[in-house]
Amino acid sequence: MNPNQAFALGNILRVVPVNPATNGDFTDENGFFIRAETKGYLRYCPKNNLDTEYIEKYFDASNIFVDPELCRKIFGTVLGGAGQRDMASSIYIGYGV
């Protein structure tokens, strides 16, 4: 096998609903993937980022996992401000690959 050849990673093997807006921050240091069934913003940390190195990103509503970024934490809030941002909801985390 050529070590530079692309290969399939597999698939999501387990899906769990989470609700950080109600239950507070969700953390799993083993890593997970994110999808949201209701569009909006999420603040999260990729697998090897510190809490202060968070990313805030808009998620489109989706019933599949389309973002390959491995995360370790979803914060229970998003940044507010003049253009108040709506937080994504119906959030699911996926484990696998």
PDB file of N, CA and C in Angstrom:
ATOM      1  N   MET A   1       0.844  -1.182   0.000  1.00  0.00           N
ATOM      2  CA  MET A   1       0.000   0.000   0.000  1.00  0.00           C
ATOM      3  C   MET A   1       0.888   1.243   0.000  1.00  0.00           C
ATOM      4  N   ASN A   2       0.553   2.172  -0.837  1.00  0.00           N
ATOM      5  CA  ASN A   2       1.268   3.442  -0.933  1.00  0.00           C
ATOM      6  C   ASN A   2       0.901   4.318   0.267  1.00  0.00           C
ATOM      7  N   PRO A   3       1.855   4.732   1.118  1.00  0.00           N
ATOM      8  CA  PRO A   3       1.527   5.529   2.300  1.00  0.00           C
ATOM      9  C   PRO A   3       0.978   6.919   1.971  1.00  0.00           C
ATOM     10  N   ASN A   4       1.133   7.382   0.734  1.00  0.00           N
ATOM     11  CA  ASN A   4       0.622   8.693   0.342  1.00  0.00           C
ATOM     12  C   ASN A   4      -0.749   8.623  -0.312  1.00  0.00           C
ATOM     13  N   GLN A   5      -1.273   7.426  -0.452  1.00  0.00           N
ATOM     14  CA  GLN A   5      -2.563   7.246  -1.101  1.00  0.00           C
ATOM     15  C   GLN A   5      -3.697   7.531  -0.112  1.00  0.00           C
ATOM     16  N   ALA A   6      -4.725   8.226  -0.591  1.00  0.00           N
ATOM     17  CA  ALA A   6      -5.893   8.508   0.240  1.00  0.00           C
ATOM     18  C   ALA A   6      -6.638   7.214   0.532  1.00  0.00           C
ATOM     19  N   PHE A   7      -7.308   7.168   1.664  1.00  0.00           N
ATOM     20  CA  PHE A   7      -8.091   5.993   2.023  1.00  0.00           C
ATOM     21  C   PHE A   7      -9.346   6.424   2.769  1.00  0.00           C
ATOM     22  N   ALA A   8     -10.360   5.599   2.744  1.00  0.00           N
ATOM     23  CA  ALA A   8     -11.610   5.892   3.434  1.00  0.00           C
ATOM     24  C   ALA A   8     -11.405   5.778   4.934  1.00  0.00           C
ATOM     25  N   LEU A   9     -11.960   6.721   5.672  1.00  0.00           N
ATOM     26  CA  LEU A   9     -11.825   6.708   7.119  1.00  0.00           C
ATOM     27  C   LEU A   9     -12.904   5.883   7.810  1.00  0.00           C
ATOM     28  N   GLY A  10     -13.969   5.582   7.128  1.00  0.00           N
ATOM     29  CA  GLY A  10     -15.045   4.837   7.759  1.00  0.00           C
ATOM     30  C   GLY A  10     -16.271   5.708   7.897  1.00  0.00           C
ATOM     31  N   ASN A  11     -16.931   5.633   9.050  1.00  0.00           N
ATOM     32  CA  ASN A  11     -18.180   6.346   9.208  1.00  0.00           C
ATOM     33  C   ASN A  11     -18.427   6.661  10.675  1.00  0.00           C
ATOM     34  N   ILE A  12     -19.466   7.419  10.920  1.00  0.00           N
ATOM     35  CA  ILE A  12     -19.897   7.705  12.286  1.00  0.00           C
ATOM     36  C   ILE A  12     -20.522   6.422  12.844  1.00  0.00           C
ATOM     37  N   LEU A  13     -20.069   6.004  14.010  1.00  0.00           N
ATOM     38  CA  LEU A  13     -20.519   4.738  14.591  1.00  0.00           C
ATOM     39  C   LEU A  13     -21.526   4.913  15.722  1.00  0.00           C
ATOM     40  N   ARG A  14     -21.566   6.118  16.299  1.00  0.00           N
ATOM     41  CA  ARG A  14     -22.469   6.382  17.421  1.00  0.00           C
ATOM     42  C   ARG A  14     -22.864   7.843  17.369  1.00  0.00           C
ATOM     43  N   VAL A  15     -24.144   8.144  17.594  1.00  0.00           N
ATOM     44  CA  VAL A  15     -24.651   9.513  17.583  1.00  0.00           C
ATOM     45  C   VAL A  15     -25.391   9.765  18.888  1.00  0.00           C
ATOM     46  N   VAL A  16     -25.088  10.918  19.524  1.00  0.00           N
ATOM     47  CA  VAL A  16     -25.688  11.257  20.808  1.00  0.00           C
ATOM     48  C   VAL A  16     -26.199  12.694  20.755  1.00  0.00           C
ATOM     49  N   PRO A  17     -27.458  12.946  21.155  1.00  0.00           N
ATOM     50  CA  PRO A  17     -27.940  14.324  21.205  1.00  0.00           C
ATOM     51  C   PRO A  17     -27.362  15.047  22.427  1.00  0.00           C
ATOM     52  N   VAL A  18     -27.028  16.315  22.262  1.00  0.00           N
ATOM     53  CA  VAL A  18     -26.570  17.149  23.382  1.00  0.00           C
ATOM     54  C   VAL A  18     -27.294  18.485  23.299  1.00  0.00           C
ATOM     55  N   ASN A  19     -27.413  19.160  24.444  1.00  0.00           N
ATOM     56  CA  ASN A  19     -28.073  20.450  24.479  1.00  0.00           C
ATOM     57  C   ASN A  19     -27.270  21.412  25.349  1.00  0.00           C
ATOM     58  N   PRO A  20     -26.141  21.948  24.824  1.00  0.00           N
ATOM     59  CA  PRO A  20     -25.317  22.835  25.626  1.00  0.00           C
ATOM     60  C   PRO A  20     -26.021  24.117  26.041  1.00  0.00           C
ATOM     61  N   ALA A  21     -26.990  24.600  25.263  1.00  0.00           N
ATOM     62  CA  ALA A  21     -27.698  25.830  25.621  1.00  0.00           C
ATOM     63  C   ALA A  21     -28.460  25.654  26.933  1.00  0.00           C
ATOM     64  N   THR A  22     -28.951  24.455  27.180  1.00  0.00           N
ATOM     65  CA  THR A  22     -29.697  24.167  28.406  1.00  0.00           C
ATOM     66  C   THR A  22     -28.808  23.561  29.484  1.00  0.00           C
ATOM     67  N   ASN A  23     -27.937  22.645  29.100  1.00  0.00           N
ATOM     68  CA  ASN A  23     -27.144  21.881  30.066  1.00  0.00           C
ATOM     69  C   ASN A  23     -25.734  22.405  30.293  1.00  0.00           C
ATOM     70  N   GLY A  24     -25.345  23.477  29.622  1.00  0.00           N
ATOM     71  CA  GLY A  24     -23.995  24.012  29.771  1.00  0.00           C
ATOM     72  C   GLY A  24     -23.020  23.363  28.812  1.00  0.00           C
ATOM     73  N   ASP A  25     -21.757  23.695  28.962  1.00  0.00           N
ATOM     74  CA  ASP A  25     -20.712  23.204  28.063  1.00  0.00           C
ATOM     75  C   ASP A  25     -20.712  21.679  27.998  1.00  0.00           C
ATOM     76  N   PHE A  26     -20.418  21.151  26.812  1.00  0.00           N
ATOM     77  CA  PHE A  26     -20.262  19.710  26.638  1.00  0.00           C
ATOM     78  C   PHE A  26     -18.820  19.439  26.257  1.00  0.00           C
ATOM     79  N   THR A  27     -18.148  18.552  26.989  1.00  0.00           N
ATOM     80  CA  THR A  27     -16.750  18.231  26.723  1.00  0.00           C
ATOM     81  C   THR A  27     -16.559  16.723  26.683  1.00  0.00           C
ATOM     82  N   ASP A  28     -15.786  16.276  25.703  1.00  0.00           N
ATOM     83  CA  ASP A  28     -15.335  14.894  25.635  1.00  0.00           C
ATOM     84  C   ASP A  28     -13.937  14.930  25.023  1.00  0.00           C
ATOM     85  N   GLU A  29     -12.931  14.752  25.859  1.00  0.00           N
ATOM     86  CA  GLU A  29     -11.534  14.873  25.432  1.00  0.00           C
ATOM     87  C   GLU A  29     -11.126  13.816  24.406  1.00  0.00           C
ATOM     88  N   ASN A  30     -11.939  12.767  24.228  1.00  0.00           N
ATOM     89  CA  ASN A  30     -11.632  11.750  23.221  1.00  0.00           C
ATOM     90  C   ASN A  30     -11.918  12.239  21.814  1.00  0.00           C
ATOM     91  N   GLY A  31     -12.733  13.259  21.691  1.00  0.00           N
ATOM     92  CA  GLY A  31     -13.043  13.852  20.396  1.00  0.00           C
ATOM     93  C   GLY A  31     -14.355  13.380  19.806  1.00  0.00           C
ATOM     94  N   PHE A  32     -14.990  14.261  19.058  1.00  0.00           N
ATOM     95  CA  PHE A  32     -16.276  13.975  18.428  1.00  0.00           C
ATOM     96  C   PHE A  32     -16.484  14.924  17.254  1.00  0.00           C
ATOM     97  N   PHE A  33     -17.488  14.636  16.451  1.00  0.00           N
ATOM     98  CA  PHE A  33     -17.882  15.479  15.334  1.00  0.00           C
ATOM     99  C   PHE A  33     -19.224  16.116  15.661  1.00  0.00           C
ATOM    100  N   ILE A  34     -19.558  17.215  14.985  1.00  0.00           N
ATOM    101  CA  ILE A  34     -20.768  17.966  15.300  1.00  0.00           C
ATOM    102  C   ILE A  34     -21.659  18.102  14.068  1.00  0.00           C
ATOM    103  N   ARG A  35     -22.979  18.021  14.323  1.00  0.00           N
ATOM    104  CA  ARG A  35     -23.969  18.438  13.324  1.00  0.00           C
ATOM    105  C   ARG A  35     -25.128  19.077  14.079  1.00  0.00           C
ATOM    106  N   ALA A  36     -25.889  19.903  13.392  1.00  0.00           N
ATOM    107  CA  ALA A  36     -27.041  20.567  14.005  1.00  0.00           C
ATOM    108  C   ALA A  36     -28.227  20.468  13.063  1.00  0.00           C
ATOM    109  N   GLU A  37     -29.395  20.130  13.604  1.00  0.00           N
ATOM    110  CA  GLU A  37     -30.595  20.046  12.788  1.00  0.00           C
ATOM    111  C   GLU A  37     -31.288  21.390  12.642  1.00  0.00           C
ATOM    112  N   THR A  38     -30.890  22.369  13.459  1.00  0.00           N
ATOM    113  CA  THR A  38     -31.415  23.722  13.352  1.00  0.00           C
ATOM    114  C   THR A  38     -30.232  24.659  13.163  1.00  0.00           C
ATOM    115  N   LYS A  39     -30.240  25.441  12.084  1.00  0.00           N
ATOM    116  CA  LYS A  39     -29.111  26.305  11.757  1.00  0.00           C
ATOM    117  C   LYS A  39     -28.856  27.351  12.837  1.00  0.00           C
ATOM    118  N   GLY A  40     -27.591  27.751  12.925  1.00  0.00           N
ATOM    119  CA  GLY A  40     -27.193  28.762  13.886  1.00  0.00           C
ATOM    120  C   GLY A  40     -25.708  28.654  14.186  1.00  0.00           C
ATOM    121  N   TYR A  41     -25.262  29.439  15.151  1.00  0.00           N
ATOM    122  CA  TYR A  41     -23.850  29.478  15.518  1.00  0.00           C
ATOM    123  C   TYR A  41     -23.548  28.540  16.676  1.00  0.00           C
ATOM    124  N   LEU A  42     -22.338  28.002  16.665  1.00  0.00           N
ATOM    125  CA  LEU A  42     -21.816  27.230  17.792  1.00  0.00           C
ATOM    126  C   LEU A  42     -20.406  27.710  18.079  1.00  0.00           C
ATOM    127  N   ARG A  43     -20.063  27.730  19.352  1.00  0.00           N
ATOM    128  CA  ARG A  43     -18.688  27.991  19.776  1.00  0.00           C
ATOM    129  C   ARG A  43     -18.131  26.669  20.257  1.00  0.00           C
ATOM    130  N   TYR A  44     -16.989  26.270  19.706  1.00  0.00           N
ATOM    131  CA  TYR A  44     -16.428  24.961  20.020  1.00  0.00           C
ATOM    132  C   TYR A  44     -14.901  25.016  19.979  1.00  0.00           C
ATOM    133  N   CYS A  45     -14.279  23.967  20.515  1.00  0.00           N
ATOM    134  CA  CYS A  45     -12.831  23.820  20.471  1.00  0.00           C
ATOM    135  C   CYS A  45     -12.467  22.571  19.678  1.00  0.00           C
ATOM    136  N   PRO A  46     -11.616  22.705  18.672  1.00  0.00           N
ATOM    137  CA  PRO A  46     -11.076  21.522  18.010  1.00  0.00           C
ATOM    138  C   PRO A  46     -10.288  20.673  19.010  1.00  0.00           C
ATOM    139  N   LYS A  47     -10.024  19.460  18.666  1.00  0.00           N
ATOM    140  CA  LYS A  47      -9.433  18.455  19.562  1.00  0.00           C
ATOM    141  C   LYS A  47      -8.226  18.945  20.356  1.00  0.00           C
ATOM    142  N   ASN A  48      -7.290  19.612  19.739  1.00  0.00           N
ATOM    143  CA  ASN A  48      -6.064  19.994  20.448  1.00  0.00           C
ATOM    144  C   ASN A  48      -5.978  21.472  20.801  1.00  0.00           C
ATOM    145  N   ASN A  49      -7.099  22.184  20.731  1.00  0.00           N
ATOM    146  CA  ASN A  49      -7.116  23.596  21.102  1.00  0.00           C
ATOM    147  C   ASN A  49      -7.448  23.764  22.578  1.00  0.00           C
ATOM    148  N   LEU A  50      -6.907  24.817  23.165  1.00  0.00           N
ATOM    149  CA  LEU A  50      -7.274  25.205  24.522  1.00  0.00           C
ATOM    150  C   LEU A  50      -8.634  25.879  24.496  1.00  0.00           C
ATOM    151  N   ASP A  51      -9.273  26.021  25.666  1.00  0.00           N
ATOM    152  CA  ASP A  51     -10.573  26.699  25.740  1.00  0.00           C
ATOM    153  C   ASP A  51     -10.505  28.119  25.186  1.00  0.00           C
ATOM    154  N   THR A  52      -9.384  28.778  25.363  1.00  0.00           N
ATOM    155  CA  THR A  52      -9.229  30.160  24.879  1.00  0.00           C
ATOM    156  C   THR A  52      -9.012  30.226  23.368  1.00  0.00           C
ATOM    157  N   GLU A  53      -8.810  29.082  22.740  1.00  0.00           N
ATOM    158  CA  GLU A  53      -8.587  29.020  21.292  1.00  0.00           C
ATOM    159  C   GLU A  53      -9.838  28.498  20.578  1.00  0.00           C
ATOM    160  N   TYR A  54     -10.991  28.907  21.065  1.00  0.00           N
ATOM    161  CA  TYR A  54     -12.251  28.429  20.498  1.00  0.00           C
ATOM    162  C   TYR A  54     -12.501  29.014  19.110  1.00  0.00           C
ATOM    163  N   ILE A  55     -13.427  28.384  18.416  1.00  0.00           N
ATOM    164  CA  ILE A  55     -13.889  28.841  17.105  1.00  0.00           C
ATOM    165  C   ILE A  55     -15.388  29.045  17.226  1.00  0.00           C
ATOM    166  N   GLU A  56     -15.883  30.109  16.634  1.00  0.00           N
ATOM    167  CA  GLU A  56     -17.326  30.305  16.572  1.00  0.00           C
ATOM    168  C   GLU A  56     -17.709  30.290  15.102  1.00  0.00           C
ATOM    169  N   LYS A  57     -18.601  29.377  14.736  1.00  0.00           N
ATOM    170  CA  LYS A  57     -18.902  29.154  13.334  1.00  0.00           C
ATOM    171  C   LYS A  57     -20.390  28.933  13.136  1.00  0.00           C
ATOM    172  N   TYR A  58     -20.873  29.332  11.967  1.00  0.00           N
ATOM    173  CA  TYR A  58     -22.267  29.120  11.579  1.00  0.00           C
ATOM    174  C   TYR A  58     -22.420  27.699  11.033  1.00  0.00           C
ATOM    175  N   PHE A  59     -23.398  26.981  11.546  1.00  0.00           N
ATOM    176  CA  PHE A  59     -23.703  25.634  11.081  1.00  0.00           C
ATOM    177  C   PHE A  59     -25.033  25.657  10.338  1.00  0.00           C
ATOM    178  N   ASP A  60     -25.052  25.140   9.118  1.00  0.00           N
ATOM    179  CA  ASP A  60     -26.309  24.946   8.398  1.00  0.00           C
ATOM    180  C   ASP A  60     -27.026  23.747   8.995  1.00  0.00           C
ATOM    181  N   ALA A  61     -28.333  23.749   8.902  1.00  0.00           N
ATOM    182  CA  ALA A  61     -29.102  22.594   9.350  1.00  0.00           C
ATOM    183  C   ALA A  61     -28.757  21.397   8.471  1.00  0.00           C
ATOM    184  N   SER A  62     -28.479  20.259   9.114  1.00  0.00           N
ATOM    185  CA  SER A  62     -28.104  19.071   8.358  1.00  0.00           C
ATOM    186  C   SER A  62     -28.454  17.814   9.145  1.00  0.00           C
ATOM    187  N   ASN A  63     -28.870  16.782   8.425  1.00  0.00           N
ATOM    188  CA  ASN A  63     -29.127  15.509   9.091  1.00  0.00           C
ATOM    189  C   ASN A  63     -27.976  14.528   8.890  1.00  0.00           C
ATOM    190  N   ILE A  64     -26.854  15.031   8.348  1.00  0.00           N
ATOM    191  CA  ILE A  64     -25.634  14.227   8.230  1.00  0.00           C
ATOM    192  C   ILE A  64     -24.447  15.036   8.746  1.00  0.00           C
ATOM    193  N   PHE A  65     -23.375  14.376   9.077  1.00  0.00           N
ATOM    194  CA  PHE A  65     -22.151  15.022   9.525  1.00  0.00           C
ATOM    195  C   PHE A  65     -21.343  15.423   8.297  1.00  0.00           C
ATOM    196  N   VAL A  66     -21.222  16.731   8.044  1.00  0.00           N
ATOM    197  CA  VAL A  66     -20.542  17.192   6.839  1.00  0.00           C
ATOM    198  C   VAL A  66     -19.203  17.866   7.129  1.00  0.00           C
ATOM    199  N   ASP A  67     -18.924  18.174   8.388  1.00  0.00           N
ATOM    200  CA  ASP A  67     -17.685  18.855   8.748  1.00  0.00           C
ATOM    201  C   ASP A  67     -16.734  17.849   9.394  1.00  0.00           C
ATOM    202  N   PRO A  68     -15.563  17.608   8.791  1.00  0.00           N
ATOM    203  CA  PRO A  68     -14.657  16.576   9.310  1.00  0.00           C
ATOM    204  C   PRO A  68     -13.803  17.019  10.502  1.00  0.00           C
ATOM    205  N   GLU A  69     -14.096  18.171  11.084  1.00  0.00           N
ATOM    206  CA  GLU A  69     -13.265  18.679  12.174  1.00  0.00           C
ATOM    207  C   GLU A  69     -13.544  17.928  13.477  1.00  0.00           C
ATOM    208  N   LEU A  70     -12.514  17.320  14.044  1.00  0.00           N
ATOM    209  CA  LEU A  70     -12.618  16.598  15.305  1.00  0.00           C
ATOM    210  C   LEU A  70     -12.576  17.607  16.449  1.00  0.00           C
ATOM    211  N   CYS A  71     -13.594  17.595  17.294  1.00  0.00           N
ATOM    212  CA  CYS A  71     -13.733  18.580  18.373  1.00  0.00           C
ATOM    213  C   CYS A  71     -13.633  17.912  19.737  1.00  0.00           C
ATOM    214  N   ARG A  72     -13.426  18.730  20.757  1.00  0.00           N
ATOM    215  CA  ARG A  72     -13.386  18.209  22.122  1.00  0.00           C
ATOM    216  C   ARG A  72     -14.378  18.909  23.050  1.00  0.00           C
ATOM    217  N   LYS A  73     -14.892  20.107  22.626  1.00  0.00           N
ATOM    218  CA  LYS A  73     -15.788  20.860  23.495  1.00  0.00           C
ATOM    219  C   LYS A  73     -16.741  21.718  22.677  1.00  0.00           C
ATOM    220  N   ILE A  74     -18.009  21.780  23.140  1.00  0.00           N
ATOM    221  CA  ILE A  74     -18.990  22.730  22.629  1.00  0.00           C
ATOM    222  C   ILE A  74     -19.391  23.603  23.814  1.00  0.00           C
ATOM    223  N   PHE A  75     -19.315  24.902  23.644  1.00  0.00           N
ATOM    224  CA  PHE A  75     -19.695  25.829  24.699  1.00  0.00           C
ATOM    225  C   PHE A  75     -21.212  26.025  24.703  1.00  0.00           C
ATOM    226  N   GLY A  76     -21.763  26.329  25.867  1.00  0.00           N
ATOM    227  CA  GLY A  76     -23.199  26.514  26.010  1.00  0.00           C
ATOM    228  C   GLY A  76     -23.689  27.881  25.581  1.00  0.00           C
ATOM    229  N   THR A  77     -22.790  28.735  25.099  1.00  0.00           N
ATOM    230  CA  THR A  77     -23.164  30.081  24.665  1.00  0.00           C
ATOM    231  C   THR A  77     -22.444  30.412  23.371  1.00  0.00           C
ATOM    232  N   VAL A  78     -22.937  31.429  22.692  1.00  0.00           N
ATOM    233  CA  VAL A  78     -22.249  32.008  21.537  1.00  0.00           C
ATOM    234  C   VAL A  78     -22.096  33.498  21.812  1.00  0.00           C
ATOM    235  N   LEU A  79     -21.240  34.155  21.049  1.00  0.00           N
ATOM    236  CA  LEU A  79     -21.028  35.580  21.247  1.00  0.00           C
ATOM    237  C   LEU A  79     -22.276  36.355  20.874  1.00  0.00           C
ATOM    238  N   GLY A  80     -22.593  37.348  21.650  1.00  0.00           N
ATOM    239  CA  GLY A  80     -23.738  38.214  21.357  1.00  0.00           C
ATOM    240  C   GLY A  80     -23.261  39.436  20.606  1.00  0.00           C
ATOM    241  N   GLY A  81     -23.797  40.569  20.948  1.00  0.00           N
ATOM    242  CA  GLY A  81     -23.372  41.802  20.305  1.00  0.00           C
ATOM    243  C   GLY A  81     -24.478  42.419  19.487  1.00  0.00           C
ATOM    244  N   ALA A  82     -24.096  43.386  18.660  1.00  0.00           N
ATOM    245  CA  ALA A  82     -25.065  44.151  17.880  1.00  0.00           C
ATOM    246  C   ALA A  82     -25.911  43.259  16.987  1.00  0.00           C
ATOM    247  N   GLY A  83     -25.312  42.272  16.349  1.00  0.00           N
ATOM    248  CA  GLY A  83     -26.054  41.366  15.471  1.00  0.00           C
ATOM    249  C   GLY A  83     -26.359  40.069  16.178  1.00  0.00           C
ATOM    250  N   GLN A  84     -26.998  40.118  17.322  1.00  0.00           N
ATOM    251  CA  GLN A  84     -27.247  38.947  18.167  1.00  0.00           C
ATOM    252  C   GLN A  84     -27.302  37.656  17.361  1.00  0.00           C
ATOM    253  N   ARG A  85     -26.461  36.727  17.702  1.00  0.00           N
ATOM    254  CA  ARG A  85     -26.360  35.471  16.961  1.00  0.00           C
ATOM    255  C   ARG A  85     -27.233  34.404  17.591  1.00  0.00           C
ATOM    256  N   ASP A  86     -27.974  33.720  16.755  1.00  0.00           N
ATOM    257  CA  ASP A  86     -28.794  32.604  17.229  1.00  0.00           C
ATOM    258  C   ASP A  86     -27.933  31.365  17.326  1.00  0.00           C
ATOM    259  N   MET A  87     -28.057  30.667  18.438  1.00  0.00           N
ATOM    260  CA  MET A  87     -27.295  29.445  18.639  1.00  0.00           C
ATOM    261  C   MET A  87     -27.979  28.289  17.918  1.00  0.00           C
ATOM    262  N   ALA A  88     -27.180  27.444  17.278  1.00  0.00           N
ATOM    263  CA  ALA A  88     -27.719  26.239  16.651  1.00  0.00           C
ATOM    264  C   ALA A  88     -28.351  25.362  17.723  1.00  0.00           C
ATOM    265  N   SER A  89     -29.354  24.606  17.330  1.00  0.00           N
ATOM    266  CA  SER A  89     -29.989  23.709  18.294  1.00  0.00           C
ATOM    267  C   SER A  89     -30.214  22.347  17.644  1.00  0.00           C
ATOM    268  N   SER A  90     -30.775  21.450  18.404  1.00  0.00           N
ATOM    269  CA  SER A  90     -30.896  20.056  17.982  1.00  0.00           C
ATOM    270  C   SER A  90     -29.516  19.569  17.542  1.00  0.00           C
ATOM    271  N   ILE A  91     -28.576  19.679  18.467  1.00  0.00           N
ATOM    272  CA  ILE A  91     -27.182  19.354  18.208  1.00  0.00           C
ATOM    273  C   ILE A  91     -26.925  17.881  18.497  1.00  0.00           C
ATOM    274  N   TYR A  92     -26.188  17.249  17.591  1.00  0.00           N
ATOM    275  CA  TYR A  92     -25.807  15.854  17.755  1.00  0.00           C
ATOM    276  C   TYR A  92     -24.297  15.752  17.630  1.00  0.00           C
ATOM    277  N   ILE A  93     -23.735  14.903  18.473  1.00  0.00           N
ATOM    278  CA  ILE A  93     -22.308  14.623  18.357  1.00  0.00           C
ATOM    279  C   ILE A  93     -22.152  13.204  17.828  1.00  0.00           C
ATOM    280  N   GLY A  94     -21.141  13.020  17.015  1.00  0.00           N
ATOM    281  CA  GLY A  94     -20.900  11.710  16.421  1.00  0.00           C
ATOM    282  C   GLY A  94     -19.531  11.200  16.779  1.00  0.00           C
ATOM    283  N   TYR A  95     -19.468   9.915  17.038  1.00  0.00           N
ATOM    284  CA  TYR A  95     -18.207   9.241  17.335  1.00  0.00           C
ATOM    285  C   TYR A  95     -17.949   8.216  16.258  1.00  0.00           C
ATOM    286  N   GLY A  96     -16.707   8.017  15.951  1.00  0.00           N
ATOM    287  CA  GLY A  96     -16.380   6.967  15.003  1.00  0.00           C
ATOM    288  C   GLY A  96     -15.158   7.258  14.190  1.00  0.00           C
ATOM    289  N   VAL A  97     -15.156   6.756  12.993  1.00  0.00           N
ATOM    290  CA  VAL A  97     -14.110   6.765  11.982  1.00  0.00           C
ATOM    291  C   VAL A  97     -12.788   6.280  12.453  1.00  0.00           C
TER     292      VAL A  97
END
